[in-house]
Protein backbone atom coordinates (compact mmCIF):
# COMPACT_ATOMS: atom_id res chain seq x y z
CA UNK A 1 0.00 0.00 0.00
CA UNK A 2 1.48 3.41 -0.96
CA UNK A 3 2.33 5.86 1.80
CA UNK A 4 -0.49 8.43 2.09
CA UNK A 5 0.32 12.05 1.31
CA UNK A 6 -1.05 15.04 3.18
CA UNK A 7 -3.18 16.08 0.19
CA UNK A 8 -4.68 12.60 -0.17
CA UNK A 9 -5.97 12.77 3.41
CA UNK A 10 -7.77 16.10 3.05
CA UNK A 11 -11.44 16.53 2.16
CA UNK A 12 -11.72 18.17 -1.26
CA UNK A 13 -15.00 19.91 -0.44
CA UNK A 14 -13.84 21.48 2.82
CA UNK A 15 -14.23 25.26 3.01
CA UNK A 16 -13.64 27.65 5.92
CA UNK A 17 -17.36 28.47 6.03
CA UNK A 18 -18.09 25.03 7.45
CA UNK A 19 -16.84 26.35 10.79
CA UNK A 20 -19.69 28.88 11.11
CA UNK A 21 -22.03 26.58 13.14
CA UNK A 22 -19.11 25.74 15.44
CA UNK A 23 -18.44 29.40 16.19
CA UNK A 24 -22.15 30.11 16.75
CA UNK A 25 -22.33 27.26 19.27
CA UNK A 26 -19.21 28.40 21.13
CA UNK A 27 -20.76 31.84 21.56
CA UNK A 28 -24.18 30.49 22.57
CA UNK A 29 -23.21 27.66 24.92
CA UNK A 30 -19.45 27.21 25.06
CA UNK A 31 -19.16 23.85 23.28
CA UNK A 32 -19.87 22.08 19.98
CA UNK A 33 -19.77 18.51 18.70
CA UNK A 34 -19.25 17.86 14.99
CA UNK A 35 -19.80 14.30 13.73
CA UNK A 36 -17.72 13.23 10.71
CA UNK A 37 -15.65 16.43 10.80
CA UNK A 38 -12.56 14.53 9.62
CA UNK A 39 -12.30 12.11 6.73
CA UNK A 40 -12.23 8.38 7.44
CA UNK A 41 -8.90 8.04 5.63
CA UNK A 42 -7.25 10.67 7.84
CA UNK A 43 -8.67 9.12 11.01
CA UNK A 44 -7.47 5.67 9.98
CA UNK A 45 -3.97 6.99 9.29
CA UNK A 46 -3.83 8.77 12.63
CA UNK A 47 -5.18 5.73 14.47
CA UNK A 48 -2.51 3.55 12.86
CA UNK A 49 0.15 5.99 14.09
CA UNK A 50 -1.19 5.93 17.65
CA UNK A 51 -1.31 2.14 17.68
CA UNK A 52 2.23 1.95 16.30
CA UNK A 53 3.46 4.31 19.03
CA UNK A 54 1.85 2.00 21.56
CA UNK A 55 3.45 -1.09 20.03
CA UNK A 56 6.85 0.63 20.01
CA UNK A 57 6.54 1.66 23.65
CA UNK A 58 6.54 5.39 22.82
CA UNK A 59 3.42 6.31 24.81
CA UNK A 60 3.92 7.87 28.24
CA UNK A 61 1.57 7.98 31.24
CA UNK A 62 -0.32 11.27 31.16
CA UNK A 63 0.01 13.65 34.06
CA UNK A 64 -1.96 16.51 35.59
CA UNK A 65 -0.79 20.08 36.06
CA UNK A 66 1.88 21.95 34.13
CA UNK A 67 5.48 22.93 34.73
CA UNK A 68 6.82 22.27 38.21
CA UNK A 69 3.44 21.00 39.48
CA UNK A 70 3.09 18.37 36.74
CA UNK A 71 2.63 14.88 38.17
CA UNK A 72 1.26 11.46 37.22
CA UNK A 73 -1.80 10.61 39.33
CA UNK A 74 -3.67 7.43 38.39
CA UNK A 75 -6.56 8.36 40.70
CA UNK A 76 -7.33 11.35 38.45
CA UNK A 77 -6.53 10.12 34.95
CA UNK A 78 -5.41 6.88 33.32
CA UNK A 79 -4.33 7.40 29.76
CA UNK A 80 -1.08 7.38 27.84
CA UNK A 81 -0.02 10.10 25.44
CA UNK A 82 2.35 11.00 22.62
CA UNK A 83 2.78 14.63 21.56
CA UNK A 84 2.57 15.49 17.87
CA UNK A 85 5.81 16.43 16.14
CA UNK A 86 4.23 17.22 12.74
CA UNK A 87 6.53 14.90 10.81
CA UNK A 88 4.04 12.52 9.17
CA UNK A 89 1.57 13.20 6.35
CA UNK A 90 -1.37 12.42 8.63
CA UNK A 91 -0.19 14.79 11.35
CA UNK A 92 0.46 17.52 8.77
CA UNK A 93 -3.05 17.10 7.33
CA UNK A 94 -4.62 17.28 10.78
CA UNK A 95 -2.53 20.27 11.83
CA UNK A 96 -3.44 22.08 8.60
CA UNK A 97 -7.12 21.70 9.48
CA UNK A 98 -6.47 23.01 12.99
CA UNK A 99 -4.59 26.00 11.53
CA UNK A 100 -7.59 26.75 9.34
CA UNK A 101 -9.89 26.53 12.35
CA UNK A 102 -7.55 28.80 14.34
CA UNK A 103 -7.71 31.44 11.62
CA UNK A 104 -11.50 31.25 11.48
CA UNK A 105 -11.83 31.54 15.27
CA UNK A 106 -9.53 34.56 15.35
CA UNK A 107 -11.37 36.31 12.55
CA UNK A 108 -14.80 35.56 14.04
CA UNK A 109 -14.20 35.93 17.77
CA UNK A 110 -10.97 37.99 18.02
CA UNK A 111 -9.49 35.51 20.51
CA UNK A 112 -5.84 36.19 19.73
CA UNK A 113 -5.01 32.50 19.37
CA UNK A 114 -1.40 32.10 18.28
CA UNK A 115 -0.48 28.45 18.74
CA UNK A 116 -1.94 24.94 18.75
CA UNK A 117 -0.57 21.95 20.68
CA UNK A 118 -1.90 18.40 20.72
CA UNK A 119 -1.17 14.78 21.54
CA UNK A 120 -2.53 11.30 20.97
CA UNK A 121 -4.40 9.97 24.01
CA UNK A 122 -4.80 6.23 24.41
CA UNK A 123 -7.12 4.82 27.11
CA UNK A 124 -7.00 1.11 27.90
CA UNK A 125 -10.01 -0.71 29.43
CA UNK A 126 -10.62 0.85 32.84
CA UNK A 127 -9.10 4.18 31.77
CA UNK A 128 -10.76 7.47 32.69
CA UNK A 129 -10.11 11.15 33.36
CA UNK A 130 -12.04 12.70 36.23
CA UNK A 131 -13.85 16.03 36.02
CA UNK A 132 -11.51 18.95 35.37
CA UNK A 133 -10.92 22.19 33.51
CA UNK A 134 -8.26 22.45 30.82
CA UNK A 135 -7.35 25.96 31.91
CA UNK A 136 -8.04 28.26 34.86
CA UNK A 137 -9.28 31.74 34.13
CA UNK A 138 -6.44 34.26 34.16
CA UNK A 139 -3.81 31.67 35.12
CA UNK A 140 -3.00 29.80 31.92
CA UNK A 141 -2.94 30.29 28.17
CA UNK A 142 -5.19 27.52 26.84
CA UNK A 143 -8.32 29.14 25.42
CA UNK A 144 -10.10 26.61 23.20
CA UNK A 145 -9.94 22.82 23.61
CA UNK A 146 -10.34 20.41 20.69
CA UNK A 147 -10.84 16.64 20.91
CA UNK A 148 -10.87 14.39 17.84
CA UNK A 149 -11.93 10.75 18.10
CA UNK A 150 -10.29 7.94 16.12
CA UNK A 151 -12.36 4.94 17.30
CA UNK A 152 -14.09 2.94 14.54
CA UNK A 153 -17.53 1.40 15.17
CA UNK A 154 -17.73 2.47 18.81
CA UNK A 155 -20.34 0.48 20.74
CA UNK A 156 -22.66 2.04 23.33
CA UNK A 157 -21.74 -0.48 26.05
CA UNK A 158 -18.04 0.36 25.76
CA UNK A 159 -18.48 3.57 27.79
CA UNK A 160 -15.70 6.13 27.46
CA UNK A 161 -18.05 9.06 26.82
CA UNK A 162 -16.98 12.67 27.23
CA UNK A 163 -19.26 14.47 29.70
CA UNK A 164 -19.42 18.27 29.50
CA UNK A 165 -20.79 20.17 32.50
CA UNK A 166 -22.05 23.69 33.06
CA UNK A 167 -19.67 26.44 34.14
CA UNK A 168 -20.18 25.79 37.86
CA UNK A 169 -17.47 23.18 38.40
CA UNK A 170 -18.99 22.14 41.74
CA UNK A 171 -22.38 21.23 40.25
CA UNK A 172 -21.99 17.66 38.96
CA UNK A 173 -25.70 17.52 38.12
CA UNK A 174 -25.45 20.25 35.49
CA UNK A 175 -24.66 17.99 32.54
CA UNK A 176 -24.70 19.78 29.19
CA UNK A 177 -23.68 16.89 26.94
CA UNK A 178 -22.68 13.21 26.96
CA UNK A 179 -20.65 12.60 23.80
CA UNK A 180 -19.86 9.20 22.29
CA UNK A 181 -16.24 8.92 21.03
CA UNK A 182 -16.99 8.02 17.41
CA UNK A 183 -14.42 8.11 14.61
CA UNK A 184 -14.12 11.49 12.89
CA UNK A 185 -16.08 13.42 15.53
CA UNK A 186 -14.62 16.74 16.65
CA UNK A 187 -15.56 18.31 20.00
CA UNK A 188 -14.63 21.93 20.63
CA UNK A 189 -15.18 23.84 23.89
CA UNK A 190 -13.92 26.81 25.86
CA UNK A 191 -11.01 25.68 28.02
CA UNK A 192 -11.56 28.06 30.93
CA UNK A 193 -15.28 27.59 31.44
CA UNK A 194 -16.39 24.06 30.53
CA UNK A 195 -15.62 21.34 33.13
CA UNK A 196 -15.56 17.87 31.59
CA UNK A 197 -14.55 14.28 32.23
CA UNK A 198 -13.90 11.02 30.38
CA UNK A 199 -16.01 8.18 31.77
CA UNK A 200 -14.36 4.78 32.30
CA UNK A 201 -13.94 2.90 29.04
CA UNK A 202 -14.39 -0.83 28.52
CA UNK A 203 -12.53 -0.88 25.21
CA UNK A 204 -9.28 0.71 23.93
CA UNK A 205 -10.11 4.34 23.16
CA UNK A 206 -7.97 6.66 21.04
CA UNK A 207 -8.29 10.39 20.55
CA UNK A 208 -6.33 13.53 19.84
CA UNK A 209 -6.50 16.15 22.59
CA UNK A 210 -5.41 19.65 21.65
CA UNK A 211 -5.56 23.28 22.69
CA UNK A 212 -5.43 26.66 21.00
CA UNK A 213 -3.33 28.99 23.12
CA UNK A 214 -3.12 32.73 23.55
CA UNK A 215 0.19 34.48 24.08
CA UNK A 216 0.96 34.70 27.79
CA UNK A 217 4.24 35.01 29.61
CA UNK A 218 5.83 33.92 32.87
CA UNK A 219 8.68 35.99 34.40
CA UNK A 220 9.04 37.85 31.13
CA UNK A 221 9.22 34.72 28.96
CA UNK A 222 6.53 33.29 26.70
CA UNK A 223 4.73 30.44 28.44
CA UNK A 224 5.84 27.36 26.49
CA UNK A 225 3.44 24.62 25.34
CA UNK A 226 3.24 21.27 27.13
C-alpha atoms as a PDB file:
ATOM      1  CA  UNK A   1       0.000   0.000   0.000  1.00  0.00           C
ATOM      2  CA  UNK A   2       1.482   3.415  -0.963  1.00  0.00           C
ATOM      3  CA  UNK A   3       2.333   5.863   1.802  1.00  0.00           C
ATOM      4  CA  UNK A   4      -0.485   8.434   2.092  1.00  0.00           C
ATOM      5  CA  UNK A   5       0.321  12.050   1.313  1.00  0.00           C
ATOM      6  CA  UNK A   6      -1.046  15.038   3.179  1.00  0.00           C
ATOM      7  CA  UNK A   7      -3.185  16.079   0.191  1.00  0.00           C
ATOM      8  CA  UNK A   8      -4.685  12.596  -0.167  1.00  0.00           C
ATOM      9  CA  UNK A   9      -5.966  12.771   3.407  1.00  0.00           C
ATOM     10  CA  UNK A  10      -7.775  16.097   3.054  1.00  0.00           C
ATOM     11  CA  UNK A  11     -11.438  16.530   2.156  1.00  0.00           C
ATOM     12  CA  UNK A  12     -11.716  18.169  -1.260  1.00  0.00           C
ATOM     13  CA  UNK A  13     -14.998  19.908  -0.445  1.00  0.00           C
ATOM     14  CA  UNK A  14     -13.837  21.482   2.822  1.00  0.00           C
ATOM     15  CA  UNK A  15     -14.226  25.259   3.008  1.00  0.00           C
ATOM     16  CA  UNK A  16     -13.642  27.645   5.924  1.00  0.00           C
ATOM     17  CA  UNK A  17     -17.362  28.472   6.029  1.00  0.00           C
ATOM     18  CA  UNK A  18     -18.087  25.025   7.446  1.00  0.00           C
ATOM     19  CA  UNK A  19     -16.841  26.351  10.793  1.00  0.00           C
ATOM     20  CA  UNK A  20     -19.687  28.884  11.113  1.00  0.00           C
ATOM     21  CA  UNK A  21     -22.028  26.577  13.143  1.00  0.00           C
ATOM     22  CA  UNK A  22     -19.113  25.737  15.441  1.00  0.00           C
ATOM     23  CA  UNK A  23     -18.436  29.402  16.188  1.00  0.00           C
ATOM     24  CA  UNK A  24     -22.146  30.110  16.750  1.00  0.00           C
ATOM     25  CA  UNK A  25     -22.325  27.257  19.267  1.00  0.00           C
ATOM     26  CA  UNK A  26     -19.209  28.398  21.133  1.00  0.00           C
ATOM     27  CA  UNK A  27     -20.759  31.836  21.562  1.00  0.00           C
ATOM     28  CA  UNK A  28     -24.178  30.494  22.572  1.00  0.00           C
ATOM     29  CA  UNK A  29     -23.214  27.659  24.919  1.00  0.00           C
ATOM     30  CA  UNK A  30     -19.453  27.214  25.058  1.00  0.00           C
ATOM     31  CA  UNK A  31     -19.164  23.847  23.277  1.00  0.00           C
ATOM     32  CA  UNK A  32     -19.869  22.078  19.982  1.00  0.00           C
ATOM     33  CA  UNK A  33     -19.767  18.514  18.700  1.00  0.00           C
ATOM     34  CA  UNK A  34     -19.250  17.860  14.990  1.00  0.00           C
ATOM     35  CA  UNK A  35     -19.803  14.296  13.726  1.00  0.00           C
ATOM     36  CA  UNK A  36     -17.715  13.235  10.708  1.00  0.00           C
ATOM     37  CA  UNK A  37     -15.649  16.433  10.801  1.00  0.00           C
ATOM     38  CA  UNK A  38     -12.564  14.531   9.617  1.00  0.00           C
ATOM     39  CA  UNK A  39     -12.299  12.111   6.732  1.00  0.00           C
ATOM     40  CA  UNK A  40     -12.225   8.384   7.436  1.00  0.00           C
ATOM     41  CA  UNK A  41      -8.898   8.037   5.625  1.00  0.00           C
ATOM     42  CA  UNK A  42      -7.254  10.674   7.837  1.00  0.00           C
ATOM     43  CA  UNK A  43      -8.672   9.116  11.011  1.00  0.00           C
ATOM     44  CA  UNK A  44      -7.466   5.670   9.981  1.00  0.00           C
ATOM     45  CA  UNK A  45      -3.972   6.988   9.290  1.00  0.00           C
ATOM     46  CA  UNK A  46      -3.829   8.774  12.631  1.00  0.00           C
ATOM     47  CA  UNK A  47      -5.180   5.732  14.473  1.00  0.00           C
ATOM     48  CA  UNK A  48      -2.513   3.551  12.858  1.00  0.00           C
ATOM     49  CA  UNK A  49       0.149   5.988  14.090  1.00  0.00           C
ATOM     50  CA  UNK A  50      -1.186   5.931  17.648  1.00  0.00           C
ATOM     51  CA  UNK A  51      -1.308   2.143  17.684  1.00  0.00           C
ATOM     52  CA  UNK A  52       2.234   1.953  16.302  1.00  0.00           C
ATOM     53  CA  UNK A  53       3.458   4.307  19.029  1.00  0.00           C
ATOM     54  CA  UNK A  54       1.852   1.997  21.564  1.00  0.00           C
ATOM     55  CA  UNK A  55       3.447  -1.090  20.030  1.00  0.00           C
ATOM     56  CA  UNK A  56       6.849   0.627  20.006  1.00  0.00           C
ATOM     57  CA  UNK A  57       6.536   1.663  23.647  1.00  0.00           C
ATOM     58  CA  UNK A  58       6.536   5.387  22.824  1.00  0.00           C
ATOM     59  CA  UNK A  59       3.415   6.306  24.808  1.00  0.00           C
ATOM     60  CA  UNK A  60       3.923   7.868  28.236  1.00  0.00           C
ATOM     61  CA  UNK A  61       1.569   7.981  31.239  1.00  0.00           C
ATOM     62  CA  UNK A  62      -0.324  11.271  31.160  1.00  0.00           C
ATOM     63  CA  UNK A  63       0.009  13.652  34.063  1.00  0.00           C
ATOM     64  CA  UNK A  64      -1.962  16.506  35.592  1.00  0.00           C
ATOM     65  CA  UNK A  65      -0.791  20.075  36.055  1.00  0.00           C
ATOM     66  CA  UNK A  66       1.884  21.954  34.134  1.00  0.00           C
ATOM     67  CA  UNK A  67       5.477  22.935  34.728  1.00  0.00           C
ATOM     68  CA  UNK A  68       6.824  22.273  38.213  1.00  0.00           C
ATOM     69  CA  UNK A  69       3.441  20.998  39.476  1.00  0.00           C
ATOM     70  CA  UNK A  70       3.087  18.369  36.745  1.00  0.00           C
ATOM     71  CA  UNK A  71       2.628  14.877  38.170  1.00  0.00           C
ATOM     72  CA  UNK A  72       1.263  11.464  37.219  1.00  0.00           C
ATOM     73  CA  UNK A  73      -1.796  10.607  39.327  1.00  0.00           C
ATOM     74  CA  UNK A  74      -3.673   7.433  38.390  1.00  0.00           C
ATOM     75  CA  UNK A  75      -6.564   8.356  40.695  1.00  0.00           C
ATOM     76  CA  UNK A  76      -7.335  11.350  38.454  1.00  0.00           C
ATOM     77  CA  UNK A  77      -6.527  10.117  34.948  1.00  0.00           C
ATOM     78  CA  UNK A  78      -5.411   6.876  33.325  1.00  0.00           C
ATOM     79  CA  UNK A  79      -4.332   7.396  29.758  1.00  0.00           C
ATOM     80  CA  UNK A  80      -1.078   7.376  27.845  1.00  0.00           C
ATOM     81  CA  UNK A  81      -0.019  10.097  25.435  1.00  0.00           C
ATOM     82  CA  UNK A  82       2.353  10.998  22.617  1.00  0.00           C
ATOM     83  CA  UNK A  83       2.783  14.633  21.565  1.00  0.00           C
ATOM     84  CA  UNK A  84       2.567  15.493  17.871  1.00  0.00           C
ATOM     85  CA  UNK A  85       5.806  16.429  16.144  1.00  0.00           C
ATOM     86  CA  UNK A  86       4.232  17.218  12.743  1.00  0.00           C
ATOM     87  CA  UNK A  87       6.532  14.901  10.810  1.00  0.00           C
ATOM     88  CA  UNK A  88       4.042  12.524   9.171  1.00  0.00           C
ATOM     89  CA  UNK A  89       1.574  13.196   6.349  1.00  0.00           C
ATOM     90  CA  UNK A  90      -1.373  12.416   8.628  1.00  0.00           C
ATOM     91  CA  UNK A  91      -0.185  14.791  11.345  1.00  0.00           C
ATOM     92  CA  UNK A  92       0.462  17.524   8.768  1.00  0.00           C
ATOM     93  CA  UNK A  93      -3.048  17.102   7.328  1.00  0.00           C
ATOM     94  CA  UNK A  94      -4.615  17.278  10.784  1.00  0.00           C
ATOM     95  CA  UNK A  95      -2.526  20.272  11.832  1.00  0.00           C
ATOM     96  CA  UNK A  96      -3.441  22.078   8.599  1.00  0.00           C
ATOM     97  CA  UNK A  97      -7.123  21.701   9.482  1.00  0.00           C
ATOM     98  CA  UNK A  98      -6.469  23.009  12.993  1.00  0.00           C
ATOM     99  CA  UNK A  99      -4.585  25.998  11.526  1.00  0.00           C
ATOM    100  CA  UNK A 100      -7.593  26.751   9.337  1.00  0.00           C
ATOM    101  CA  UNK A 101      -9.892  26.533  12.354  1.00  0.00           C
ATOM    102  CA  UNK A 102      -7.550  28.802  14.336  1.00  0.00           C
ATOM    103  CA  UNK A 103      -7.709  31.440  11.615  1.00  0.00           C
ATOM    104  CA  UNK A 104     -11.505  31.253  11.479  1.00  0.00           C
ATOM    105  CA  UNK A 105     -11.830  31.544  15.268  1.00  0.00           C
ATOM    106  CA  UNK A 106      -9.530  34.561  15.354  1.00  0.00           C
ATOM    107  CA  UNK A 107     -11.374  36.311  12.547  1.00  0.00           C
ATOM    108  CA  UNK A 108     -14.801  35.563  14.038  1.00  0.00           C
ATOM    109  CA  UNK A 109     -14.200  35.931  17.774  1.00  0.00           C
ATOM    110  CA  UNK A 110     -10.972  37.989  18.024  1.00  0.00           C
ATOM    111  CA  UNK A 111      -9.492  35.511  20.507  1.00  0.00           C
ATOM    112  CA  UNK A 112      -5.842  36.192  19.731  1.00  0.00           C
ATOM    113  CA  UNK A 113      -5.005  32.498  19.372  1.00  0.00           C
ATOM    114  CA  UNK A 114      -1.398  32.101  18.283  1.00  0.00           C
ATOM    115  CA  UNK A 115      -0.482  28.449  18.737  1.00  0.00           C
ATOM    116  CA  UNK A 116      -1.942  24.942  18.753  1.00  0.00           C
ATOM    117  CA  UNK A 117      -0.565  21.953  20.684  1.00  0.00           C
ATOM    118  CA  UNK A 118      -1.903  18.396  20.717  1.00  0.00           C
ATOM    119  CA  UNK A 119      -1.170  14.779  21.543  1.00  0.00           C
ATOM    120  CA  UNK A 120      -2.530  11.303  20.966  1.00  0.00           C
ATOM    121  CA  UNK A 121      -4.402   9.971  24.014  1.00  0.00           C
ATOM    122  CA  UNK A 122      -4.804   6.229  24.409  1.00  0.00           C
ATOM    123  CA  UNK A 123      -7.116   4.817  27.115  1.00  0.00           C
ATOM    124  CA  UNK A 124      -6.996   1.114  27.901  1.00  0.00           C
ATOM    125  CA  UNK A 125     -10.015  -0.708  29.434  1.00  0.00           C
ATOM    126  CA  UNK A 126     -10.622   0.847  32.839  1.00  0.00           C
ATOM    127  CA  UNK A 127      -9.104   4.176  31.774  1.00  0.00           C
ATOM    128  CA  UNK A 128     -10.762   7.470  32.689  1.00  0.00           C
ATOM    129  CA  UNK A 129     -10.109  11.152  33.361  1.00  0.00           C
ATOM    130  CA  UNK A 130     -12.039  12.700  36.229  1.00  0.00           C
ATOM    131  CA  UNK A 131     -13.854  16.027  36.018  1.00  0.00           C
ATOM    132  CA  UNK A 132     -11.512  18.946  35.371  1.00  0.00           C
ATOM    133  CA  UNK A 133     -10.917  22.186  33.511  1.00  0.00           C
ATOM    134  CA  UNK A 134      -8.257  22.449  30.817  1.00  0.00           C
ATOM    135  CA  UNK A 135      -7.352  25.963  31.910  1.00  0.00           C
ATOM    136  CA  UNK A 136      -8.036  28.259  34.857  1.00  0.00           C
ATOM    137  CA  UNK A 137      -9.277  31.744  34.131  1.00  0.00           C
ATOM    138  CA  UNK A 138      -6.438  34.264  34.157  1.00  0.00           C
ATOM    139  CA  UNK A 139      -3.815  31.668  35.120  1.00  0.00           C
ATOM    140  CA  UNK A 140      -3.004  29.796  31.917  1.00  0.00           C
ATOM    141  CA  UNK A 141      -2.942  30.288  28.168  1.00  0.00           C
ATOM    142  CA  UNK A 142      -5.186  27.518  26.841  1.00  0.00           C
ATOM    143  CA  UNK A 143      -8.315  29.141  25.419  1.00  0.00           C
ATOM    144  CA  UNK A 144     -10.095  26.609  23.202  1.00  0.00           C
ATOM    145  CA  UNK A 145      -9.945  22.816  23.613  1.00  0.00           C
ATOM    146  CA  UNK A 146     -10.341  20.409  20.694  1.00  0.00           C
ATOM    147  CA  UNK A 147     -10.840  16.641  20.907  1.00  0.00           C
ATOM    148  CA  UNK A 148     -10.875  14.391  17.838  1.00  0.00           C
ATOM    149  CA  UNK A 149     -11.934  10.750  18.099  1.00  0.00           C
ATOM    150  CA  UNK A 150     -10.291   7.941  16.123  1.00  0.00           C
ATOM    151  CA  UNK A 151     -12.355   4.945  17.297  1.00  0.00           C
ATOM    152  CA  UNK A 152     -14.092   2.936  14.538  1.00  0.00           C
ATOM    153  CA  UNK A 153     -17.529   1.403  15.171  1.00  0.00           C
ATOM    154  CA  UNK A 154     -17.726   2.467  18.813  1.00  0.00           C
ATOM    155  CA  UNK A 155     -20.342   0.482  20.742  1.00  0.00           C
ATOM    156  CA  UNK A 156     -22.662   2.040  23.335  1.00  0.00           C
ATOM    157  CA  UNK A 157     -21.744  -0.479  26.049  1.00  0.00           C
ATOM    158  CA  UNK A 158     -18.039   0.355  25.761  1.00  0.00           C
ATOM    159  CA  UNK A 159     -18.478   3.567  27.791  1.00  0.00           C
ATOM    160  CA  UNK A 160     -15.705   6.133  27.456  1.00  0.00           C
ATOM    161  CA  UNK A 161     -18.051   9.056  26.824  1.00  0.00           C
ATOM    162  CA  UNK A 162     -16.982  12.670  27.226  1.00  0.00           C
ATOM    163  CA  UNK A 163     -19.257  14.473  29.695  1.00  0.00           C
ATOM    164  CA  UNK A 164     -19.420  18.271  29.501  1.00  0.00           C
ATOM    165  CA  UNK A 165     -20.788  20.167  32.496  1.00  0.00           C
ATOM    166  CA  UNK A 166     -22.046  23.695  33.063  1.00  0.00           C
ATOM    167  CA  UNK A 167     -19.667  26.444  34.137  1.00  0.00           C
ATOM    168  CA  UNK A 168     -20.178  25.790  37.856  1.00  0.00           C
ATOM    169  CA  UNK A 169     -17.469  23.175  38.396  1.00  0.00           C
ATOM    170  CA  UNK A 170     -18.988  22.138  41.737  1.00  0.00           C
ATOM    171  CA  UNK A 171     -22.381  21.230  40.247  1.00  0.00           C
ATOM    172  CA  UNK A 172     -21.991  17.657  38.961  1.00  0.00           C
ATOM    173  CA  UNK A 173     -25.698  17.519  38.125  1.00  0.00           C
ATOM    174  CA  UNK A 174     -25.453  20.253  35.490  1.00  0.00           C
ATOM    175  CA  UNK A 175     -24.662  17.993  32.540  1.00  0.00           C
ATOM    176  CA  UNK A 176     -24.703  19.783  29.185  1.00  0.00           C
ATOM    177  CA  UNK A 177     -23.681  16.887  26.939  1.00  0.00           C
ATOM    178  CA  UNK A 178     -22.676  13.213  26.959  1.00  0.00           C
ATOM    179  CA  UNK A 179     -20.654  12.601  23.804  1.00  0.00           C
ATOM    180  CA  UNK A 180     -19.861   9.204  22.294  1.00  0.00           C
ATOM    181  CA  UNK A 181     -16.240   8.917  21.031  1.00  0.00           C
ATOM    182  CA  UNK A 182     -16.991   8.023  17.408  1.00  0.00           C
ATOM    183  CA  UNK A 183     -14.425   8.111  14.608  1.00  0.00           C
ATOM    184  CA  UNK A 184     -14.125  11.493  12.893  1.00  0.00           C
ATOM    185  CA  UNK A 185     -16.076  13.422  15.525  1.00  0.00           C
ATOM    186  CA  UNK A 186     -14.622  16.744  16.652  1.00  0.00           C
ATOM    187  CA  UNK A 187     -15.564  18.314  19.999  1.00  0.00           C
ATOM    188  CA  UNK A 188     -14.633  21.932  20.632  1.00  0.00           C
ATOM    189  CA  UNK A 189     -15.185  23.842  23.888  1.00  0.00           C
ATOM    190  CA  UNK A 190     -13.916  26.813  25.865  1.00  0.00           C
ATOM    191  CA  UNK A 191     -11.007  25.678  28.015  1.00  0.00           C
ATOM    192  CA  UNK A 192     -11.555  28.060  30.935  1.00  0.00           C
ATOM    193  CA  UNK A 193     -15.280  27.594  31.443  1.00  0.00           C
ATOM    194  CA  UNK A 194     -16.392  24.058  30.534  1.00  0.00           C
ATOM    195  CA  UNK A 195     -15.618  21.340  33.127  1.00  0.00           C
ATOM    196  CA  UNK A 196     -15.559  17.868  31.593  1.00  0.00           C
ATOM    197  CA  UNK A 197     -14.546  14.278  32.227  1.00  0.00           C
ATOM    198  CA  UNK A 198     -13.898  11.020  30.384  1.00  0.00           C
ATOM    199  CA  UNK A 199     -16.012   8.185  31.768  1.00  0.00           C
ATOM    200  CA  UNK A 200     -14.360   4.783  32.297  1.00  0.00           C
ATOM    201  CA  UNK A 201     -13.941   2.897  29.040  1.00  0.00           C
ATOM    202  CA  UNK A 202     -14.393  -0.833  28.524  1.00  0.00           C
ATOM    203  CA  UNK A 203     -12.526  -0.880  25.206  1.00  0.00           C
ATOM    204  CA  UNK A 204      -9.283   0.705  23.928  1.00  0.00           C
ATOM    205  CA  UNK A 205     -10.106   4.340  23.161  1.00  0.00           C
ATOM    206  CA  UNK A 206      -7.971   6.664  21.042  1.00  0.00           C
ATOM    207  CA  UNK A 207      -8.295  10.393  20.551  1.00  0.00           C
ATOM    208  CA  UNK A 208      -6.326  13.534  19.836  1.00  0.00           C
ATOM    209  CA  UNK A 209      -6.496  16.148  22.591  1.00  0.00           C
ATOM    210  CA  UNK A 210      -5.406  19.648  21.646  1.00  0.00           C
ATOM    211  CA  UNK A 211      -5.560  23.280  22.687  1.00  0.00           C
ATOM    212  CA  UNK A 212      -5.428  26.656  21.004  1.00  0.00           C
ATOM    213  CA  UNK A 213      -3.329  28.989  23.118  1.00  0.00           C
ATOM    214  CA  UNK A 214      -3.125  32.725  23.553  1.00  0.00           C
ATOM    215  CA  UNK A 215       0.188  34.485  24.076  1.00  0.00           C
ATOM    216  CA  UNK A 216       0.964  34.697  27.785  1.00  0.00           C
ATOM    217  CA  UNK A 217       4.243  35.012  29.613  1.00  0.00           C
ATOM    218  CA  UNK A 218       5.830  33.919  32.875  1.00  0.00           C
ATOM    219  CA  UNK A 219       8.681  35.994  34.402  1.00  0.00           C
ATOM    220  CA  UNK A 220       9.036  37.848  31.133  1.00  0.00           C
ATOM    221  CA  UNK A 221       9.223  34.720  28.958  1.00  0.00           C
ATOM    222  CA  UNK A 222       6.531  33.285  26.702  1.00  0.00           C
ATOM    223  CA  UNK A 223       4.733  30.443  28.443  1.00  0.00           C
ATOM    224  CA  UNK A 224       5.843  27.363  26.489  1.00  0.00           C
ATOM    225  CA  UNK A 225       3.441  24.616  25.344  1.00  0.00           C
ATOM    226  CA  UNK A 226       3.241  21.268  27.133  1.00  0.00           C
END
